[in-house]
């Protein structure tokens, strides 16, 4: 699965203003809701926050990848937010986040859903681990530039044998 199948210009916010993790999640979830990917906003937000209680989705390098699997998700989706100011993701003063991908996965009795979830996380990780992507994400001026960085990362992934 290609990351561009689940993210588009309507699910990217390069000027996200939020003071804490829960507000970030709420704002990104609303983008998914506004684009018809989520039918029950509060139910989906709750699934994401419950997942955060199990284990933080903070990565390294100012990146977090919160996600929720819920019956309120109509179709798998992804959104991205670049925060105007870093937030302390885990409340420990050691987990500053400026870049957030929020993944929405529908809860169904189908193993392909789990695989889609893992593929999305893998695609994001590959993109984020590219040495200069985080720096580039901090500087992109528009959504098209940001989305192009994801396509570039996927091209490299395919170049090395993953489809």
Protein backbone atom coordinates (compact mmCIF):
# COMPACT_ATOMS: atom_id res chain seq x y z
CA UNK A 1 0.00 0.00 0.00
CA UNK A 2 1.23 3.44 -0.85
CA UNK A 3 0.99 6.17 1.75
CA UNK A 4 -0.53 8.54 -0.83
CA UNK A 5 -3.56 6.24 -1.01
CA UNK A 6 -4.57 7.35 2.50
CA UNK A 7 -3.41 10.97 2.74
CA UNK A 8 -4.15 14.00 0.59
CA UNK A 9 -4.01 17.79 0.65
CA UNK A 10 -7.20 17.91 2.76
CA UNK A 11 -5.65 15.87 5.55
CA UNK A 12 -2.46 17.90 6.01
CA UNK A 13 -2.13 20.91 8.31
CA UNK A 14 1.23 22.66 8.24
CA UNK A 15 0.22 25.29 10.82
CA UNK A 16 -1.38 23.26 13.59
CA UNK A 17 -1.74 25.21 16.81
CA UNK A 18 -2.20 23.12 19.92
CA UNK A 19 -0.90 23.30 23.45
CA UNK A 20 -0.98 19.61 24.35
CA UNK A 21 -1.17 16.08 23.00
CA UNK A 22 -4.92 15.65 23.41
CA UNK A 23 -5.64 18.87 21.50
CA UNK A 24 -3.33 17.74 18.68
CA UNK A 25 -5.18 14.42 18.46
CA UNK A 26 -8.55 16.17 18.54
CA UNK A 27 -7.61 18.64 15.77
CA UNK A 28 -6.20 15.95 13.50
CA UNK A 29 -9.15 13.63 14.12
CA UNK A 30 -11.48 16.45 13.13
CA UNK A 31 -9.72 16.64 9.74
CA UNK A 32 -10.45 12.96 9.21
CA UNK A 33 -14.05 13.50 10.29
CA UNK A 34 -14.48 16.53 8.01
CA UNK A 35 -13.23 14.43 5.09
CA UNK A 36 -15.70 11.60 5.71
CA UNK A 37 -13.20 9.05 6.96
CA UNK A 38 -14.62 9.00 10.50
CA UNK A 39 -18.33 8.95 11.28
CA UNK A 40 -18.24 9.39 15.07
CA UNK A 41 -15.57 11.89 16.03
CA UNK A 42 -15.71 11.41 19.81
CA UNK A 43 -15.65 7.62 19.54
CA UNK A 44 -12.58 7.74 17.31
CA UNK A 45 -10.77 10.25 19.54
CA UNK A 46 -11.46 8.00 22.52
CA UNK A 47 -9.92 5.01 20.69
CA UNK A 48 -6.76 7.02 19.99
CA UNK A 49 -6.48 8.25 23.59
CA UNK A 50 -7.03 4.71 24.90
CA UNK A 51 -4.19 3.53 22.66
CA UNK A 52 -1.95 6.27 24.09
CA UNK A 53 -2.64 4.94 27.61
CA UNK A 54 -1.31 1.52 26.59
CA UNK A 55 1.94 2.85 25.18
CA UNK A 56 3.05 6.24 23.98
CA UNK A 57 3.16 6.73 20.23
CA UNK A 58 6.01 9.21 20.60
CA UNK A 59 8.85 8.19 18.35
CA UNK A 60 12.11 10.06 18.31
CA UNK A 61 13.13 13.22 16.54
CA UNK A 62 9.99 15.18 17.42
CA UNK A 63 7.61 12.69 15.78
CA UNK A 64 4.49 10.97 17.11
CA UNK A 65 2.26 8.50 15.29
CA UNK A 66 -0.97 8.13 17.28
CA UNK A 67 -3.53 5.73 15.87
CA UNK A 68 -6.90 4.27 16.58
CA UNK A 69 -8.80 1.21 15.42
CA UNK A 70 -12.51 1.89 15.71
CA UNK A 71 -15.91 0.97 14.32
CA UNK A 72 -16.38 4.71 13.82
CA UNK A 73 -13.79 4.72 11.02
CA UNK A 74 -15.41 4.45 7.58
CA UNK A 75 -12.19 4.01 5.63
CA UNK A 76 -8.52 3.78 6.58
CA UNK A 77 -6.99 7.22 6.58
CA UNK A 78 -4.01 9.26 7.58
CA UNK A 79 -3.47 12.90 8.39
CA UNK A 80 -0.43 14.99 9.24
CA UNK A 81 0.10 18.02 11.40
CA UNK A 82 3.17 20.23 11.71
CA UNK A 83 2.84 22.08 14.99
CA UNK A 84 3.64 25.77 15.19
CA UNK A 85 5.22 25.05 18.61
CA UNK A 86 6.39 21.72 19.96
CA UNK A 87 4.19 20.01 22.56
CA UNK A 88 5.33 17.77 25.40
CA UNK A 89 3.78 14.51 24.16
CA UNK A 90 4.06 12.40 27.30
CA UNK A 91 3.96 15.13 29.96
CA UNK A 92 7.50 14.35 31.05
CA UNK A 93 9.30 17.37 29.55
CA UNK A 94 11.42 14.93 27.52
CA UNK A 95 9.20 14.18 24.52
CA UNK A 96 8.87 17.31 22.36
CA UNK A 97 6.76 16.72 19.26
CA UNK A 98 6.47 18.97 16.21
CA UNK A 99 5.32 16.42 13.63
CA UNK A 100 2.31 14.13 14.03
CA UNK A 101 0.77 11.51 11.77
CA UNK A 102 -2.65 10.29 12.94
CA UNK A 103 -3.76 6.92 11.55
CA UNK A 104 -7.41 5.82 11.46
CA UNK A 105 -8.19 2.14 10.90
CA UNK A 106 -11.68 0.64 10.72
CA UNK A 107 -12.39 -2.17 13.19
CA UNK A 108 -13.56 -5.13 11.15
CA UNK A 109 -13.08 -8.89 11.30
CA UNK A 110 -10.50 -8.92 8.54
CA UNK A 111 -6.78 -9.59 8.80
CA UNK A 112 -6.05 -7.21 5.93
CA UNK A 113 -7.04 -4.32 8.22
CA UNK A 114 -4.20 -5.20 10.59
CA UNK A 115 -1.82 -5.46 7.65
CA UNK A 116 -2.94 -2.05 6.33
CA UNK A 117 -2.28 -0.54 9.77
CA UNK A 118 1.22 -2.02 9.88
CA UNK A 119 1.94 -0.94 6.31
CA UNK A 120 0.99 2.66 7.11
CA UNK A 121 3.22 2.73 10.19
CA UNK A 122 6.04 1.19 8.17
CA UNK A 123 5.68 3.77 5.37
CA UNK A 124 5.71 6.62 7.89
CA UNK A 125 8.74 5.19 9.66
CA UNK A 126 10.66 4.84 6.41
CA UNK A 127 9.83 8.41 5.48
CA UNK A 128 10.69 9.80 8.92
CA UNK A 129 13.94 7.89 9.15
CA UNK A 130 15.23 9.45 5.96
CA UNK A 131 17.94 11.72 7.36
CA UNK A 132 16.71 15.02 6.06
CA UNK A 133 12.93 14.53 5.98
CA UNK A 134 12.21 15.98 9.41
CA UNK A 135 14.27 19.03 8.53
CA UNK A 136 12.46 19.31 5.20
CA UNK A 137 9.05 18.89 6.89
CA UNK A 138 9.94 21.82 9.10
CA UNK A 139 10.60 24.01 6.07
CA UNK A 140 8.03 22.99 3.44
CA UNK A 141 5.86 25.92 2.43
CA UNK A 142 2.80 24.07 1.20
CA UNK A 143 0.96 20.78 1.20
CA UNK A 144 2.20 19.75 -2.24
CA UNK A 145 5.82 20.03 -1.11
CA UNK A 146 5.06 17.96 1.98
CA UNK A 147 3.25 15.23 0.01
CA UNK A 148 6.18 15.10 -2.43
CA UNK A 149 8.50 14.15 0.45
CA UNK A 150 6.31 11.11 1.13
CA UNK A 151 6.39 10.09 -2.53
CA UNK A 152 10.19 10.43 -2.58
CA UNK A 153 10.49 8.16 0.45
CA UNK A 154 8.21 5.58 -1.19
CA UNK A 155 10.32 5.67 -4.32
CA UNK A 156 13.38 4.81 -2.27
CA UNK A 157 11.47 2.04 -0.52
CA UNK A 158 10.50 0.51 -3.87
CA UNK A 159 14.04 0.93 -5.18
CA UNK A 160 15.26 -1.41 -2.44
CA UNK A 161 12.74 -4.12 -3.18
CA UNK A 162 9.65 -3.43 -1.07
CA UNK A 163 6.42 -3.03 -2.96
